[in-house]
Amino acid sequence: MRWKEIVKKFKDEWVLIEIKEVDENYNLKEGEVIAHSKDKSKIYEQLLKLKDKNMYIEYTGKIPEDLAVVLYHEEDI
């Protein structure tokens, strides 16, 4: 499913996507939606069940002002 289709179908939700294609800046172009929810904790629960897949978590609505995001790479810990 293309990113624009995901945004339209899952408006204002958190989505867990298996990556199929990204652009040169690593922005998602196409993927398979594995889970979606208004509650981001549900998405993280699903993510913990998956291994060895390239996954992408994104919010399809306006990002809340009070949201902070922390990214890490397991090999760096």
C-alpha atoms as a PDB file:
ATOM      1  CA  MET A   1       0.000   0.000   0.000  1.00  0.00           C
ATOM      2  CA  ARG A   2       1.351   3.432  -0.875  1.00  0.00           C
ATOM      3  CA  TRP A   3       1.941   5.958   1.924  1.00  0.00           C
ATOM      4  CA  LYS A   4      -0.839   8.291   0.719  1.00  0.00           C
ATOM      5  CA  GLU A   5      -3.318   5.399   0.762  1.00  0.00           C
ATOM      6  CA  ILE A   6      -2.266   4.462   4.311  1.00  0.00           C
ATOM      7  CA  VAL A   7      -2.791   8.040   5.524  1.00  0.00           C
ATOM      8  CA  LYS A   8      -6.244   8.171   3.930  1.00  0.00           C
ATOM      9  CA  LYS A   9      -7.393   4.758   5.188  1.00  0.00           C
ATOM     10  CA  PHE A  10      -5.978   5.048   8.736  1.00  0.00           C
ATOM     11  CA  LYS A  11      -6.516   8.776   9.386  1.00  0.00           C
ATOM     12  CA  ASP A  12      -5.324   9.994  12.806  1.00  0.00           C
ATOM     13  CA  GLU A  13      -4.009   6.570  13.818  1.00  0.00           C
ATOM     14  CA  TRP A  14      -0.674   5.005  14.688  1.00  0.00           C
ATOM     15  CA  VAL A  15       0.372   2.444  12.101  1.00  0.00           C
ATOM     16  CA  LEU A  16       2.953  -0.334  12.165  1.00  0.00           C
ATOM     17  CA  ILE A  17       4.167  -0.945   8.644  1.00  0.00           C
ATOM     18  CA  GLU A  18       6.447  -3.573   7.160  1.00  0.00           C
ATOM     19  CA  ILE A  19       8.635  -1.604   4.767  1.00  0.00           C
ATOM     20  CA  LYS A  20       8.486  -2.535   1.101  1.00  0.00           C
ATOM     21  CA  GLU A  21      10.004   0.625  -0.447  1.00  0.00           C
ATOM     22  CA  VAL A  22      11.587   3.874   0.783  1.00  0.00           C
ATOM     23  CA  ASP A  23      12.886   6.900  -1.097  1.00  0.00           C
ATOM     24  CA  GLU A  24      16.472   8.199  -1.082  1.00  0.00           C
ATOM     25  CA  ASN A  25      15.804   9.977   2.253  1.00  0.00           C
ATOM     26  CA  TYR A  26      14.362   6.802   3.835  1.00  0.00           C
ATOM     27  CA  ASN A  27      10.814   8.163   3.777  1.00  0.00           C
ATOM     28  CA  LEU A  28       8.259   5.404   3.386  1.00  0.00           C
ATOM     29  CA  LYS A  29       6.876   5.064  -0.118  1.00  0.00           C
ATOM     30  CA  GLU A  30       5.151   1.683   0.167  1.00  0.00           C
ATOM     31  CA  GLY A  31       4.538  -0.937   2.820  1.00  0.00           C
ATOM     32  CA  GLU A  32       2.182  -3.463   4.360  1.00  0.00           C
ATOM     33  CA  VAL A  33       0.159  -2.298   7.352  1.00  0.00           C
ATOM     34  CA  ILE A  34       0.653  -4.881  10.109  1.00  0.00           C
ATOM     35  CA  ALA A  35      -1.327  -3.055  12.829  1.00  0.00           C
ATOM     36  CA  HIS A  36      -3.120   0.242  13.365  1.00  0.00           C
ATOM     37  CA  SER A  37      -4.631   1.905  16.415  1.00  0.00           C
ATOM     38  CA  LYS A  38      -5.461   5.246  17.980  1.00  0.00           C
ATOM     39  CA  ASP A  39      -3.469   3.975  20.992  1.00  0.00           C
ATOM     40  CA  LYS A  40       0.273   3.919  20.233  1.00  0.00           C
ATOM     41  CA  SER A  41       0.942   1.416  23.050  1.00  0.00           C
ATOM     42  CA  LYS A  42      -1.021  -1.182  21.039  1.00  0.00           C
ATOM     43  CA  ILE A  43       1.380  -0.636  18.147  1.00  0.00           C
ATOM     44  CA  TYR A  44       4.431  -1.140  20.366  1.00  0.00           C
ATOM     45  CA  GLU A  45       2.894  -4.352  21.734  1.00  0.00           C
ATOM     46  CA  GLN A  46       2.641  -5.661  18.178  1.00  0.00           C
ATOM     47  CA  LEU A  47       6.182  -4.529  17.360  1.00  0.00           C
ATOM     48  CA  LEU A  48       7.577  -6.585  20.255  1.00  0.00           C
ATOM     49  CA  LYS A  49       6.089  -9.717  18.685  1.00  0.00           C
ATOM     50  CA  LEU A  50       7.906  -9.204  15.377  1.00  0.00           C
ATOM     51  CA  LYS A  51      11.526 -10.004  14.622  1.00  0.00           C
ATOM     52  CA  ASP A  52      13.758  -9.835  11.577  1.00  0.00           C
ATOM     53  CA  LYS A  53      11.516  -7.457   9.651  1.00  0.00           C
ATOM     54  CA  ASN A  54      12.104  -3.873   8.618  1.00  0.00           C
ATOM     55  CA  MET A  55       9.334  -1.999  10.377  1.00  0.00           C
ATOM     56  CA  TYR A  56       8.168   1.599  10.388  1.00  0.00           C
ATOM     57  CA  ILE A  57       5.935   3.262  12.993  1.00  0.00           C
ATOM     58  CA  GLU A  58       4.154   6.418  11.938  1.00  0.00           C
ATOM     59  CA  TYR A  59       1.259   8.609  13.005  1.00  0.00           C
ATOM     60  CA  THR A  60      -1.079   9.590  10.175  1.00  0.00           C
ATOM     61  CA  GLY A  61      -2.464  12.736  11.787  1.00  0.00           C
ATOM     62  CA  LYS A  62      -1.036  15.965  13.108  1.00  0.00           C
ATOM     63  CA  ILE A  63       1.840  15.261  15.503  1.00  0.00           C
ATOM     64  CA  PRO A  64       0.923  16.395  19.039  1.00  0.00           C
ATOM     65  CA  GLU A  65       3.003  19.308  20.376  1.00  0.00           C
ATOM     66  CA  ASP A  66       3.900  17.391  23.549  1.00  0.00           C
ATOM     67  CA  LEU A  67       5.195  14.287  21.751  1.00  0.00           C
ATOM     68  CA  ALA A  68       8.876  13.415  22.078  1.00  0.00           C
ATOM     69  CA  VAL A  69      10.496  10.691  20.004  1.00  0.00           C
ATOM     70  CA  VAL A  70      13.630   8.777  20.919  1.00  0.00           C
ATOM     71  CA  LEU A  71      15.347   6.606  18.340  1.00  0.00           C
ATOM     72  CA  TYR A  72      18.093   4.100  19.015  1.00  0.00           C
ATOM     73  CA  HIS A  73      19.919   1.290  17.341  1.00  0.00           C
ATOM     74  CA  GLU A  74      20.355  -1.899  19.410  1.00  0.00           C
ATOM     75  CA  GLU A  75      24.007  -2.278  18.441  1.00  0.00           C
ATOM     76  CA  ASP A  76      24.739   1.176  19.928  1.00  0.00           C
ATOM     77  CA  ILE A  77      23.464   0.262  23.396  1.00  0.00           C
END
